[in-house]
C-alpha cells in the first residue's frame, strides 16, 4: 500500500485545526527562502504551522525533524508572508508544529502550540 503524500497530512492537520477553531488563511505559501505549510488565524493570533510525518521513529519522531535550519526557513517565510499581507503584520504570531507518527492509517497526531519562536 502506498504512503499518503505530505499534502494528505497537511489536509489532516488543517481539518483538525479548523475543528479546534482556527481559520485557514493560506496553504503551501512558498518563497525562495522557505515554505509555510499552513497559515492560520487563532483569534487575533497568526499561526504558522509546520506539518511533519514519520512512519517510524528510527531517526527520531516527526517533531524532532523540525531542525534549527528548518525553523529558520519557516521564520524567514513567515516574515515574507507578513510583509505581503500588511493587514496581519501587527498581530501577534506563533509557530506551531503538527506532527504525525506511525503507520499512516493510525498515525498519532501531536499539536505543539508555540513550538518555537522567532527570536
Protein backbone atom coordinates (compact mmCIF):
# COMPACT_ATOMS: atom_id res chain seq x y z
CA UNK A 1 0.00 0.00 0.00
CA UNK A 2 1.32 3.44 -0.94
CA UNK A 3 2.09 6.01 1.77
CA UNK A 4 -0.01 9.18 1.75
CA UNK A 5 1.71 12.31 0.50
CA UNK A 6 2.73 15.25 2.65
CA UNK A 7 -0.32 17.06 1.25
CA UNK A 8 -2.58 14.40 2.80
CA UNK A 9 -1.11 15.05 6.24
CA UNK A 10 -1.34 18.81 5.70
CA UNK A 11 -5.04 18.33 4.93
CA UNK A 12 -5.49 16.21 8.08
CA UNK A 13 -3.75 18.86 10.15
CA UNK A 14 -5.79 21.66 8.59
CA UNK A 15 -9.05 19.84 9.30
CA UNK A 16 -8.04 19.16 12.92
CA UNK A 17 -7.02 22.78 13.49
CA UNK A 18 -10.20 24.11 11.88
CA UNK A 19 -12.20 21.79 14.14
CA UNK A 20 -10.32 23.37 17.07
CA UNK A 21 -11.48 26.81 15.91
CA UNK A 22 -8.59 28.08 13.79
CA UNK A 23 -9.26 29.68 10.41
CA UNK A 24 -7.16 28.86 7.33
CA UNK A 25 -5.54 31.90 5.70
CA UNK A 26 -3.06 30.22 3.31
CA UNK A 27 -1.74 26.82 2.38
CA UNK A 28 1.68 25.96 0.92
CA UNK A 29 2.90 29.55 0.76
CA UNK A 30 6.26 29.25 -0.97
CA UNK A 31 9.17 31.66 -1.19
CA UNK A 32 12.80 31.31 -2.26
CA UNK A 33 13.69 31.15 1.43
CA UNK A 34 11.19 28.53 2.55
CA UNK A 35 7.63 27.28 2.60
CA UNK A 36 4.78 27.59 5.04
CA UNK A 37 2.57 24.50 5.16
CA UNK A 38 -0.38 26.29 6.75
CA UNK A 39 -1.04 29.87 7.82
CA UNK A 40 -3.99 30.09 10.18
CA UNK A 41 -5.67 32.54 12.49
CA UNK A 42 -6.38 31.68 16.11
CA UNK A 43 -8.44 34.59 17.39
CA UNK A 44 -6.16 37.59 16.90
CA UNK A 45 -3.01 35.47 16.53
CA UNK A 46 -1.48 34.47 13.20
CA UNK A 47 -0.27 30.87 13.41
CA UNK A 48 2.39 29.47 11.09
CA UNK A 49 2.05 25.69 11.10
CA UNK A 50 4.73 23.20 10.11
CA UNK A 51 3.29 19.71 9.41
CA UNK A 52 5.58 16.68 9.71
CA UNK A 53 5.10 12.92 9.29
CA UNK A 54 7.32 9.99 10.15
CA UNK A 55 6.28 6.40 9.71
CA UNK A 56 8.90 5.14 12.16
CA UNK A 57 10.99 6.70 14.89
CA UNK A 58 14.27 5.22 13.69
CA UNK A 59 15.69 8.73 13.29
CA UNK A 60 13.55 10.38 15.97
CA UNK A 61 9.90 11.32 15.93
CA UNK A 62 8.34 13.70 13.41
CA UNK A 63 8.63 16.69 15.74
CA UNK A 64 12.39 16.12 16.01
CA UNK A 65 12.66 16.57 12.24
CA UNK A 66 11.97 20.30 12.65
CA UNK A 67 15.63 21.22 12.87
CA UNK A 68 17.14 24.63 13.62
CA UNK A 69 17.68 25.11 9.88
CA UNK A 70 14.03 24.26 9.13
CA UNK A 71 12.83 26.62 11.87
CA UNK A 72 14.97 29.43 10.41
CA UNK A 73 13.48 28.85 6.94
CA UNK A 74 9.93 28.86 8.33
CA UNK A 75 10.63 32.12 10.20
CA UNK A 76 12.01 33.76 7.03
CA UNK A 77 8.98 32.63 5.03
CA UNK A 78 6.65 33.89 7.79
CA UNK A 79 8.31 37.32 7.70
CA UNK A 80 7.84 37.42 3.94
CA UNK A 81 4.19 36.36 4.25
CA UNK A 82 3.57 39.09 6.82
CA UNK A 83 5.23 41.63 4.52
CA UNK A 84 2.91 40.56 1.70
CA UNK A 85 -0.15 40.73 3.99
CA UNK A 86 0.16 44.03 5.89
CA UNK A 87 -3.33 43.69 7.39
CA UNK A 88 -1.91 40.91 9.59
CA UNK A 89 1.59 42.31 10.17
CA UNK A 90 0.84 43.91 13.57
CA UNK A 91 -0.92 40.89 15.06
CA UNK A 92 0.74 38.50 17.48
CA UNK A 93 2.27 35.45 15.80
CA UNK A 94 3.15 31.95 16.86
CA UNK A 95 4.82 28.92 15.32
CA UNK A 96 3.11 25.56 15.80
CA UNK A 97 4.14 22.07 14.74
CA UNK A 98 1.57 19.38 13.99
CA UNK A 99 3.29 16.03 13.72
CA UNK A 100 2.13 12.55 12.82
CA UNK A 101 3.99 9.43 13.91
CA UNK A 102 3.36 5.81 12.98
CA UNK A 103 1.67 3.99 10.12
CA UNK A 104 -0.39 6.45 8.10
CA UNK A 105 -3.82 5.00 8.87
CA UNK A 106 -3.16 5.04 12.62
CA UNK A 107 -0.65 7.89 12.88
CA UNK A 108 -0.63 9.61 16.27
CA UNK A 109 -1.14 13.38 16.00
CA UNK A 110 0.72 15.81 18.26
CA UNK A 111 -0.01 19.54 18.16
CA UNK A 112 2.71 21.69 19.72
CA UNK A 113 1.44 25.22 20.16
CA UNK A 114 4.25 27.73 20.27
CA UNK A 115 6.78 25.03 19.33
CA UNK A 116 9.42 27.67 18.62
CA UNK A 117 9.70 31.44 18.33
CA UNK A 118 11.33 33.92 16.01
CA UNK A 119 13.99 35.14 18.41
